[in-house]
Amino acid sequence: MAIPFLKKKRSVSKKLNLHTEIKDFQTFWREDKPWGIQLKIATSKKTYVIDCKWPDRVRLPDGRVISNVLAKRVKNE
């Protein structure tokens, strides 16, 4: 489930400058993904998911994060 204020397609800086208060917060966790990090925020009623994607980086199978250019070089070797 996406957080409502992040659904509109505006520039990233405008989205992240907004403040949101979650009054029934319970816990949060993060998951490393090949494209970035996924944050999950649990409340008493639902779980919010925020996908933080890198525009120019990838995560290798061993967990290291490198630039797309370097990843193409490593893949071709």
PDB file of N, CA and C in Angstrom:
ATOM      1  N   MET A   1       0.841  -1.165   0.000  1.00  0.00           N
ATOM      2  CA  MET A   1       0.000   0.000   0.000  1.00  0.00           C
ATOM      3  C   MET A   1       0.894   1.239   0.000  1.00  0.00           C
ATOM      4  N   ALA A   2       0.624   2.145  -0.884  1.00  0.00           N
ATOM      5  CA  ALA A   2       1.420   3.364  -0.991  1.00  0.00           C
ATOM      6  C   ALA A   2       0.880   4.432  -0.041  1.00  0.00           C
ATOM      7  N   ILE A   3       1.768   5.255   0.443  1.00  0.00           N
ATOM      8  CA  ILE A   3       1.355   6.364   1.295  1.00  0.00           C
ATOM      9  C   ILE A   3       0.688   7.401   0.400  1.00  0.00           C
ATOM     10  N   PRO A   4      -0.514   7.858   0.747  1.00  0.00           N
ATOM     11  CA  PRO A   4      -1.287   8.740  -0.134  1.00  0.00           C
ATOM     12  C   PRO A   4      -0.547   9.963  -0.650  1.00  0.00           C
ATOM     13  N   PHE A   5       0.250  10.638   0.195  1.00  0.00           N
ATOM     14  CA  PHE A   5       0.893  11.862  -0.279  1.00  0.00           C
ATOM     15  C   PHE A   5       2.020  11.578  -1.267  1.00  0.00           C
ATOM     16  N   LEU A   6       2.443  10.327  -1.407  1.00  0.00           N
ATOM     17  CA  LEU A   6       3.503  10.000  -2.362  1.00  0.00           C
ATOM     18  C   LEU A   6       2.951   9.502  -3.701  1.00  0.00           C
ATOM     19  N   LYS A   7       1.635   9.381  -3.854  1.00  0.00           N
ATOM     20  CA  LYS A   7       1.054   8.844  -5.074  1.00  0.00           C
ATOM     21  C   LYS A   7       1.164   9.790  -6.261  1.00  0.00           C
ATOM     22  N   LYS A   8       1.020  11.083  -6.039  1.00  0.00           N
ATOM     23  CA  LYS A   8       1.061  12.038  -7.138  1.00  0.00           C
ATOM     24  C   LYS A   8       2.467  12.120  -7.711  1.00  0.00           C
ATOM     25  N   LYS A   9       2.543  12.255  -9.043  1.00  0.00           N
ATOM     26  CA  LYS A   9       3.848  12.312  -9.687  1.00  0.00           C
ATOM     27  C   LYS A   9       4.321  13.759  -9.746  1.00  0.00           C
ATOM     28  N   ARG A  10       5.106  14.128  -8.775  1.00  0.00           N
ATOM     29  CA  ARG A  10       5.766  15.429  -8.735  1.00  0.00           C
ATOM     30  C   ARG A  10       7.252  15.161  -8.568  1.00  0.00           C
ATOM     31  N   SER A  11       8.041  16.182  -8.487  1.00  0.00           N
ATOM     32  CA  SER A  11       9.464  15.966  -8.302  1.00  0.00           C
ATOM     33  C   SER A  11       9.720  15.360  -6.926  1.00  0.00           C
ATOM     34  N   VAL A  12      10.777  14.595  -6.834  1.00  0.00           N
ATOM     35  CA  VAL A  12      11.090  13.889  -5.589  1.00  0.00           C
ATOM     36  C   VAL A  12      11.296  14.863  -4.435  1.00  0.00           C
ATOM     37  N   SER A  13      11.972  15.967  -4.672  1.00  0.00           N
ATOM     38  CA  SER A  13      12.251  16.899  -3.576  1.00  0.00           C
ATOM     39  C   SER A  13      10.964  17.441  -2.966  1.00  0.00           C
ATOM     40  N   LYS A  14       9.950  17.718  -3.774  1.00  0.00           N
ATOM     41  CA  LYS A  14       8.692  18.223  -3.234  1.00  0.00           C
ATOM     42  C   LYS A  14       7.996  17.150  -2.396  1.00  0.00           C
ATOM     43  N   LYS A  15       8.056  15.894  -2.811  1.00  0.00           N
ATOM     44  CA  LYS A  15       7.440  14.807  -2.057  1.00  0.00           C
ATOM     45  C   LYS A  15       8.099  14.658  -0.681  1.00  0.00           C
ATOM     46  N   LEU A  16       9.403  14.689  -0.678  1.00  0.00           N
ATOM     47  CA  LEU A  16      10.130  14.404   0.553  1.00  0.00           C
ATOM     48  C   LEU A  16      10.143  15.581   1.518  1.00  0.00           C
ATOM     49  N   ASN A  17       9.755  16.752   1.081  1.00  0.00           N
ATOM     50  CA  ASN A  17       9.693  17.897   1.976  1.00  0.00           C
ATOM     51  C   ASN A  17       8.392  17.941   2.760  1.00  0.00           C
ATOM     52  N   LEU A  18       7.497  17.016   2.497  1.00  0.00           N
ATOM     53  CA  LEU A  18       6.242  16.980   3.226  1.00  0.00           C
ATOM     54  C   LEU A  18       6.428  16.260   4.560  1.00  0.00           C
ATOM     55  N   HIS A  19       5.639  16.655   5.524  1.00  0.00           N
ATOM     56  CA  HIS A  19       5.692  16.033   6.851  1.00  0.00           C
ATOM     57  C   HIS A  19       4.402  15.244   7.068  1.00  0.00           C
ATOM     58  N   THR A  20       4.543  14.020   7.518  1.00  0.00           N
ATOM     59  CA  THR A  20       3.379  13.197   7.808  1.00  0.00           C
ATOM     60  C   THR A  20       3.504  12.639   9.221  1.00  0.00           C
ATOM     61  N   GLU A  21       2.439  12.718   9.963  1.00  0.00           N
ATOM     62  CA  GLU A  21       2.427  12.176  11.314  1.00  0.00           C
ATOM     63  C   GLU A  21       1.581  10.910  11.320  1.00  0.00           C
ATOM     64  N   ILE A  22       2.155   9.838  11.833  1.00  0.00           N
ATOM     65  CA  ILE A  22       1.440   8.563  11.956  1.00  0.00           C
ATOM     66  C   ILE A  22       1.211   8.341  13.444  1.00  0.00           C
ATOM     67  N   LYS A  23      -0.013   8.534  13.878  1.00  0.00           N
ATOM     68  CA  LYS A  23      -0.313   8.520  15.317  1.00  0.00           C
ATOM     69  C   LYS A  23      -0.375   7.121  15.919  1.00  0.00           C
ATOM     70  N   ASP A  24      -0.712   6.111  15.116  1.00  0.00           N
ATOM     71  CA  ASP A  24      -0.815   4.752  15.669  1.00  0.00           C
ATOM     72  C   ASP A  24       0.345   3.861  15.223  1.00  0.00           C
ATOM     73  N   PHE A  25       1.535   4.472  15.108  1.00  0.00           N
ATOM     74  CA  PHE A  25       2.754   3.771  14.715  1.00  0.00           C
ATOM     75  C   PHE A  25       3.050   2.612  15.666  1.00  0.00           C
ATOM     76  N   GLN A  26       3.452   1.468  15.097  1.00  0.00           N
ATOM     77  CA  GLN A  26       3.839   0.324  15.924  1.00  0.00           C
ATOM     78  C   GLN A  26       5.308  -0.031  15.734  1.00  0.00           C
ATOM     79  N   THR A  27       5.712  -0.255  14.495  1.00  0.00           N
ATOM     80  CA  THR A  27       7.107  -0.603  14.223  1.00  0.00           C
ATOM     81  C   THR A  27       7.433  -0.293  12.770  1.00  0.00           C
ATOM     82  N   PHE A  28       8.713  -0.386  12.430  1.00  0.00           N
ATOM     83  CA  PHE A  28       9.124  -0.212  11.042  1.00  0.00           C
ATOM     84  C   PHE A  28      10.264  -1.169  10.753  1.00  0.00           C
ATOM     85  N   TRP A  29      10.495  -1.438   9.484  1.00  0.00           N
ATOM     86  CA  TRP A  29      11.633  -2.239   9.068  1.00  0.00           C
ATOM     87  C   TRP A  29      12.001  -1.862   7.652  1.00  0.00           C
ATOM     88  N   ARG A  30      13.214  -2.232   7.267  1.00  0.00           N
ATOM     89  CA  ARG A  30      13.697  -1.942   5.924  1.00  0.00           C
ATOM     90  C   ARG A  30      14.182  -3.224   5.290  1.00  0.00           C
ATOM     91  N   GLU A  31      14.043  -3.289   3.978  1.00  0.00           N
ATOM     92  CA  GLU A  31      14.507  -4.442   3.217  1.00  0.00           C
ATOM     93  C   GLU A  31      15.379  -3.941   2.085  1.00  0.00           C
ATOM     94  N   ASP A  32      16.555  -4.557   1.922  1.00  0.00           N
ATOM     95  CA  ASP A  32      17.416  -4.228   0.798  1.00  0.00           C
ATOM     96  C   ASP A  32      16.878  -4.901  -0.449  1.00  0.00           C
ATOM     97  N   LYS A  33      16.763  -4.146  -1.523  1.00  0.00           N
ATOM     98  CA  LYS A  33      16.270  -4.641  -2.804  1.00  0.00           C
ATOM     99  C   LYS A  33      17.326  -4.372  -3.862  1.00  0.00           C
ATOM    100  N   PRO A  34      17.272  -5.060  -5.016  1.00  0.00           N
ATOM    101  CA  PRO A  34      18.246  -4.805  -6.076  1.00  0.00           C
ATOM    102  C   PRO A  34      18.219  -3.351  -6.575  1.00  0.00           C
ATOM    103  N   TRP A  35      17.088  -2.694  -6.493  1.00  0.00           N
ATOM    104  CA  TRP A  35      16.907  -1.333  -7.004  1.00  0.00           C
ATOM    105  C   TRP A  35      17.019  -0.261  -5.931  1.00  0.00           C
ATOM    106  N   GLY A  36      17.209  -0.624  -4.660  1.00  0.00           N
ATOM    107  CA  GLY A  36      17.311   0.361  -3.580  1.00  0.00           C
ATOM    108  C   GLY A  36      16.899  -0.224  -2.248  1.00  0.00           C
ATOM    109  N   ILE A  37      16.087   0.517  -1.505  1.00  0.00           N
ATOM    110  CA  ILE A  37      15.649   0.088  -0.176  1.00  0.00           C
ATOM    111  C   ILE A  37      14.136   0.231  -0.090  1.00  0.00           C
ATOM    112  N   GLN A  38      13.509  -0.723   0.558  1.00  0.00           N
ATOM    113  CA  GLN A  38      12.067  -0.658   0.781  1.00  0.00           C
ATOM    114  C   GLN A  38      11.832  -0.485   2.279  1.00  0.00           C
ATOM    115  N   LEU A  39      11.141   0.603   2.634  1.00  0.00           N
ATOM    116  CA  LEU A  39      10.805   0.876   4.026  1.00  0.00           C
ATOM    117  C   LEU A  39       9.357   0.489   4.264  1.00  0.00           C
ATOM    118  N   LYS A  40       9.085  -0.157   5.383  1.00  0.00           N
ATOM    119  CA  LYS A  40       7.719  -0.530   5.741  1.00  0.00           C
ATOM    120  C   LYS A  40       7.430   0.018   7.128  1.00  0.00           C
ATOM    121  N   ILE A  41       6.272   0.663   7.253  1.00  0.00           N
ATOM    122  CA  ILE A  41       5.850   1.251   8.517  1.00  0.00           C
ATOM    123  C   ILE A  41       4.527   0.608   8.908  1.00  0.00           C
ATOM    124  N   ALA A  42       4.506  -0.076  10.032  1.00  0.00           N
ATOM    125  CA  ALA A  42       3.300  -0.760  10.487  1.00  0.00           C
ATOM    126  C   ALA A  42       2.540   0.114  11.477  1.00  0.00           C
ATOM    127  N   THR A  43       1.226   0.174  11.276  1.00  0.00           N
ATOM    128  CA  THR A  43       0.335   0.858  12.206  1.00  0.00           C
ATOM    129  C   THR A  43      -0.655  -0.177  12.723  1.00  0.00           C
ATOM    130  N   SER A  44      -1.589   0.246  13.536  1.00  0.00           N
ATOM    131  CA  SER A  44      -2.570  -0.698  14.069  1.00  0.00           C
ATOM    132  C   SER A  44      -3.544  -1.172  12.999  1.00  0.00           C
ATOM    133  N   LYS A  45      -3.702  -0.410  11.902  1.00  0.00           N
ATOM    134  CA  LYS A  45      -4.674  -0.776  10.872  1.00  0.00           C
ATOM    135  C   LYS A  45      -4.072  -1.253   9.566  1.00  0.00           C
ATOM    136  N   LYS A  46      -2.882  -0.749   9.187  1.00  0.00           N
ATOM    137  CA  LYS A  46      -2.300  -1.125   7.905  1.00  0.00           C
ATOM    138  C   LYS A  46      -0.794  -0.925   7.911  1.00  0.00           C
ATOM    139  N   THR A  47      -0.164  -1.347   6.829  1.00  0.00           N
ATOM    140  CA  THR A  47       1.272  -1.186   6.653  1.00  0.00           C
ATOM    141  C   THR A  47       1.518  -0.299   5.443  1.00  0.00           C
ATOM    142  N   TYR A  48       2.316   0.740   5.625  1.00  0.00           N
ATOM    143  CA  TYR A  48       2.696   1.630   4.534  1.00  0.00           C
ATOM    144  C   TYR A  48       4.022   1.154   3.962  1.00  0.00           C
ATOM    145  N   VAL A  49       4.189   1.245   2.653  1.00  0.00           N
ATOM    146  CA  VAL A  49       5.422   0.833   1.987  1.00  0.00           C
ATOM    147  C   VAL A  49       5.970   2.016   1.201  1.00  0.00           C
ATOM    148  N   ILE A  50       7.257   2.285   1.376  1.00  0.00           N
ATOM    149  CA  ILE A  50       7.932   3.346   0.627  1.00  0.00           C
ATOM    150  C   ILE A  50       9.095   2.704  -0.120  1.00  0.00           C
ATOM    151  N   ASP A  51       9.096   2.824  -1.450  1.00  0.00           N
ATOM    152  CA  ASP A  51      10.180   2.317  -2.284  1.00  0.00           C
ATOM    153  C   ASP A  51      11.166   3.445  -2.555  1.00  0.00           C
ATOM    154  N   CYS A  52      12.384   3.295  -2.077  1.00  0.00           N
ATOM    155  CA  CYS A  52      13.446   4.279  -2.308  1.00  0.00           C
ATOM    156  C   CYS A  52      14.358   3.703  -3.386  1.00  0.00           C
ATOM    157  N   LYS A  53      14.197   4.180  -4.622  1.00  0.00           N
ATOM    158  CA  LYS A  53      14.925   3.614  -5.765  1.00  0.00           C
ATOM    159  C   LYS A  53      16.087   4.507  -6.171  1.00  0.00           C
ATOM    160  N   TRP A  54      17.220   3.859  -6.475  1.00  0.00           N
ATOM    161  CA  TRP A  54      18.384   4.586  -6.958  1.00  0.00           C
ATOM    162  C   TRP A  54      18.244   4.804  -8.457  1.00  0.00           C
ATOM    163  N   PRO A  55      18.538   5.999  -8.955  1.00  0.00           N
ATOM    164  CA  PRO A  55      18.458   6.229 -10.397  1.00  0.00           C
ATOM    165  C   PRO A  55      19.666   5.677 -11.148  1.00  0.00           C
ATOM    166  N   ASP A  56      20.799   5.511 -10.472  1.00  0.00           N
ATOM    167  CA  ASP A  56      22.030   5.148 -11.176  1.00  0.00           C
ATOM    168  C   ASP A  56      22.875   4.100 -10.450  1.00  0.00           C
ATOM    169  N   ARG A  57      22.246   3.274  -9.620  1.00  0.00           N
ATOM    170  CA  ARG A  57      22.993   2.252  -8.877  1.00  0.00           C
ATOM    171  C   ARG A  57      22.230   0.939  -8.866  1.00  0.00           C
ATOM    172  N   VAL A  58      22.958  -0.138  -8.612  1.00  0.00           N
ATOM    173  CA  VAL A  58      22.346  -1.463  -8.483  1.00  0.00           C
ATOM    174  C   VAL A  58      23.021  -2.195  -7.329  1.00  0.00           C
ATOM    175  N   ARG A  59      22.324  -3.183  -6.793  1.00  0.00           N
ATOM    176  CA  ARG A  59      22.880  -4.013  -5.725  1.00  0.00           C
ATOM    177  C   ARG A  59      23.290  -5.353  -6.337  1.00  0.00           C
ATOM    178  N   LEU A  60      24.523  -5.752  -6.097  1.00  0.00           N
ATOM    179  CA  LEU A  60      25.013  -7.030  -6.590  1.00  0.00           C
ATOM    180  C   LEU A  60      24.490  -8.164  -5.707  1.00  0.00           C
ATOM    181  N   PRO A  61      24.553  -9.404  -6.201  1.00  0.00           N
ATOM    182  CA  PRO A  61      24.081 -10.535  -5.386  1.00  0.00           C
ATOM    183  C   PRO A  61      24.782 -10.658  -4.028  1.00  0.00           C
ATOM    184  N   ASP A  62      26.036 -10.171  -3.941  1.00  0.00           N
ATOM    185  CA  ASP A  62      26.755 -10.240  -2.659  1.00  0.00           C
ATOM    186  C   ASP A  62      26.382  -9.085  -1.720  1.00  0.00           C
ATOM    187  N   GLY A  63      25.486  -8.182  -2.164  1.00  0.00           N
ATOM    188  CA  GLY A  63      25.014  -7.109  -1.313  1.00  0.00           C
ATOM    189  C   GLY A  63      25.672  -5.762  -1.545  1.00  0.00           C
ATOM    190  N   ARG A  64      26.771  -5.736  -2.309  1.00  0.00           N
ATOM    191  CA  ARG A  64      27.438  -4.460  -2.574  1.00  0.00           C
ATOM    192  C   ARG A  64      26.610  -3.600  -3.511  1.00  0.00           C
ATOM    193  N   VAL A  65      26.682  -2.293  -3.326  1.00  0.00           N
ATOM    194  CA  VAL A  65      25.979  -1.337  -4.179  1.00  0.00           C
ATOM    195  C   VAL A  65      27.013  -0.638  -5.048  1.00  0.00           C
ATOM    196  N   ILE A  66      26.794  -0.674  -6.376  1.00  0.00           N
ATOM    197  CA  ILE A  66      27.724  -0.034  -7.308  1.00  0.00           C
ATOM    198  C   ILE A  66      26.929   0.735  -8.362  1.00  0.00           C
ATOM    199  N   SER A  67      27.626   1.574  -9.131  1.00  0.00           N
ATOM    200  CA  SER A  67      26.969   2.356 -10.179  1.00  0.00           C
ATOM    201  C   SER A  67      26.566   1.439 -11.337  1.00  0.00           C
ATOM    202  N   ASN A  68      25.576   1.861 -12.115  1.00  0.00           N
ATOM    203  CA  ASN A  68      25.132   1.080 -13.267  1.00  0.00           C
ATOM    204  C   ASN A  68      26.262   0.871 -14.266  1.00  0.00           C
ATOM    205  N   VAL A  69      27.096   1.887 -14.461  1.00  0.00           N
ATOM    206  CA  VAL A  69      28.204   1.797 -15.416  1.00  0.00           C
ATOM    207  C   VAL A  69      29.171   0.709 -14.986  1.00  0.00           C
ATOM    208  N   LEU A  70      29.533   0.688 -13.735  1.00  0.00           N
ATOM    209  CA  LEU A  70      30.452  -0.323 -13.212  1.00  0.00           C
ATOM    210  C   LEU A  70      29.818  -1.706 -13.266  1.00  0.00           C
ATOM    211  N   ALA A  71      28.514  -1.790 -13.001  1.00  0.00           N
ATOM    212  CA  ALA A  71      27.821  -3.073 -13.037  1.00  0.00           C
ATOM    213  C   ALA A  71      27.846  -3.673 -14.439  1.00  0.00           C
ATOM    214  N   LYS A  72      27.727  -2.855 -15.460  1.00  0.00           N
ATOM    215  CA  LYS A  72      27.786  -3.337 -16.851  1.00  0.00           C
ATOM    216  C   LYS A  72      29.173  -3.870 -17.162  1.00  0.00           C
ATOM    217  N   ARG A  73      30.213  -3.202 -16.651  1.00  0.00           N
ATOM    218  CA  ARG A  73      31.593  -3.659 -16.869  1.00  0.00           C
ATOM    219  C   ARG A  73      31.821  -5.002 -16.179  1.00  0.00           C
ATOM    220  N   VAL A  74      31.344  -5.132 -14.948  1.00  0.00           N
ATOM    221  CA  VAL A  74      31.525  -6.382 -14.186  1.00  0.00           C
ATOM    222  C   VAL A  74      30.778  -7.525 -14.877  1.00  0.00           C
ATOM    223  N   LYS A  75      29.579  -7.243 -15.384  1.00  0.00           N
ATOM    224  CA  LYS A  75      28.776  -8.261 -16.040  1.00  0.00           C
ATOM    225  C   LYS A  75      29.431  -8.756 -17.333  1.00  0.00           C
ATOM    226  N   ASN A  76      30.108  -7.861 -18.073  1.00  0.00           N
ATOM    227  CA  ASN A  76      30.741  -8.216 -19.340  1.00  0.00           C
ATOM    228  C   ASN A  76      32.058  -8.947 -19.177  1.00  0.00           C
ATOM    229  N   GLU A  77      32.634  -8.948 -17.990  1.00  0.00           N
ATOM    230  CA  GLU A  77      33.924  -9.637 -17.765  1.00  0.00           C
ATOM    231  C   GLU A  77      33.749 -11.117 -17.590  1.00  0.00           C
TER     232      GLU A  77
END
